[in-house]
Amino acid sequence: LSPTGAQTTQLLVEPPWRPAVLWDRVNLTCQGSGTAGATTWYKDGQRWGQEGVSSFTVTESGTYTCQTDRPGSGLSLSVNVSDDRLVLQVSARALLEGDMVTLRCRY
């Protein structure tokens, strides 16, 4: 929760591995508090063409963020989607000290 009590905007990644790579057919979903509303997407810091939709499949590498039209929702954390051919991936879920971690080396 933010200091004002409103839930911040979340950018969900599917499949849930970081770094995200294009050849995994990455789907991004923007979630804010309250009911569904308009979503603004940003790619590499610039307003980007997927205006209004809350979810889409990524077709270009870049750094993505989103924002819902909810007052005070703010920008989501960014997600980098690369076109790297060799990656060492870790689960995108939050990790705490002492958690077991699964790494994937993929080509």
Protein backbone atom coordinates (compact mmCIF):
# COMPACT_ATOMS: atom_id res chain seq x y z
CA LEU A 1 0.00 0.00 0.00
CA SER A 2 1.15 3.51 -0.70
CA PRO A 3 1.24 6.14 2.07
CA THR A 4 -2.20 7.41 1.00
CA GLY A 5 -3.66 3.91 1.36
CA ALA A 6 -4.21 3.36 -2.37
CA GLN A 7 -2.82 0.22 -3.98
CA THR A 8 -0.03 1.00 -6.41
CA THR A 9 -0.12 -0.12 -10.03
CA GLN A 10 1.32 -3.59 -10.63
CA LEU A 11 2.78 -4.92 -13.86
CA LEU A 12 2.37 -8.70 -14.00
CA VAL A 13 4.60 -10.84 -16.23
CA GLU A 14 3.61 -14.22 -17.70
CA PRO A 15 5.47 -16.53 -17.81
CA PRO A 16 6.75 -15.43 -14.38
CA TRP A 17 10.51 -15.46 -15.07
CA ARG A 18 13.07 -12.65 -15.08
CA PRO A 19 14.62 -11.52 -17.27
CA ALA A 20 11.72 -11.79 -19.67
CA VAL A 21 12.64 -12.78 -23.22
CA LEU A 22 10.64 -12.32 -26.43
CA TRP A 23 10.86 -15.97 -27.44
CA ASP A 24 8.87 -16.90 -24.29
CA ARG A 25 5.78 -15.09 -25.71
CA VAL A 26 5.66 -12.68 -22.77
CA ASN A 27 2.26 -11.33 -21.73
CA LEU A 28 2.08 -8.14 -19.65
CA THR A 29 -0.94 -7.21 -17.53
CA CYS A 30 -1.40 -3.86 -15.80
CA GLN A 31 -3.40 -3.95 -12.56
CA GLY A 32 -4.46 -1.05 -10.37
CA SER A 33 -6.84 -0.70 -7.46
CA GLY A 34 -10.60 -0.62 -7.98
CA THR A 35 -12.53 -1.58 -11.08
CA ALA A 36 -11.06 -1.83 -14.55
CA GLY A 37 -10.27 1.44 -16.29
CA ALA A 38 -8.10 2.93 -19.00
CA THR A 39 -4.44 1.92 -19.04
CA THR A 40 -1.53 3.94 -20.40
CA TRP A 41 1.56 1.99 -21.50
CA TYR A 42 5.12 3.26 -21.78
CA LYS A 43 7.95 1.64 -23.72
CA ASP A 44 11.49 2.88 -23.10
CA GLY A 45 10.07 5.88 -21.23
CA GLN A 46 7.79 7.05 -24.04
CA ARG A 47 3.99 6.77 -24.24
CA TRP A 48 3.32 3.71 -26.38
CA GLY A 49 0.69 2.41 -28.80
CA GLN A 50 -1.16 -0.19 -26.70
CA GLU A 51 -3.39 2.58 -25.33
CA GLY A 52 -6.39 1.52 -23.27
CA VAL A 53 -5.79 -2.25 -23.10
CA SER A 54 -4.84 -3.77 -19.75
CA SER A 55 -3.03 -6.82 -21.18
CA PHE A 56 -1.07 -7.69 -24.31
CA THR A 57 1.62 -10.00 -25.71
CA VAL A 58 4.98 -8.28 -26.21
CA THR A 59 6.37 -8.27 -29.76
CA GLU A 60 9.32 -5.85 -29.32
CA SER A 61 12.20 -5.80 -26.86
CA GLY A 62 12.28 -2.83 -24.51
CA THR A 63 11.49 -1.59 -21.01
CA TYR A 64 7.75 -1.45 -20.25
CA THR A 65 5.77 0.36 -17.54
CA CYS A 66 2.06 1.10 -17.20
CA GLN A 67 -0.37 3.33 -15.35
CA THR A 68 -4.09 3.02 -14.75
CA ASP A 69 -6.49 5.98 -14.72
CA ARG A 70 -7.09 5.56 -10.97
CA PRO A 71 -6.21 8.74 -9.06
CA GLY A 72 -2.87 8.40 -7.29
CA SER A 73 -2.14 4.99 -8.80
CA GLY A 74 1.29 6.01 -10.11
CA LEU A 75 3.50 4.15 -12.54
CA SER A 76 4.20 0.46 -12.17
CA LEU A 77 7.69 -0.89 -11.71
CA SER A 78 9.37 -1.46 -15.07
CA VAL A 79 9.83 -4.79 -16.83
CA ASN A 80 12.64 -5.30 -19.31
CA VAL A 81 11.91 -7.67 -22.19
CA SER A 82 14.98 -8.61 -24.20
CA ASP A 83 15.71 -10.60 -27.32
CA ASP A 84 18.76 -12.28 -25.75
CA ARG A 85 19.41 -15.81 -26.95
CA LEU A 86 21.05 -17.07 -23.73
CA VAL A 87 19.55 -16.15 -20.35
CA LEU A 88 19.84 -17.12 -16.70
CA GLN A 89 16.34 -16.69 -15.28
CA VAL A 90 14.90 -16.51 -11.77
CA SER A 91 11.26 -16.56 -10.65
CA ALA A 92 9.59 -13.14 -10.91
CA ARG A 93 7.84 -13.59 -7.55
CA ALA A 94 9.08 -11.70 -4.51
CA LEU A 95 11.88 -13.53 -2.69
CA LEU A 96 12.86 -13.35 0.95
CA GLU A 97 16.14 -14.26 2.60
CA GLY A 98 16.26 -18.01 3.13
CA ASP A 99 13.83 -18.86 0.29
CA MET A 100 14.75 -21.70 -2.05
CA VAL A 101 15.49 -20.27 -5.50
CA THR A 102 15.19 -22.04 -8.83
CA LEU A 103 17.41 -20.74 -11.65
CA ARG A 104 16.92 -21.61 -15.31
CA CYS A 105 19.68 -21.38 -17.88
CA ARG A 106 18.01 -21.26 -21.29
CA TYR A 107 19.09 -20.98 -24.89
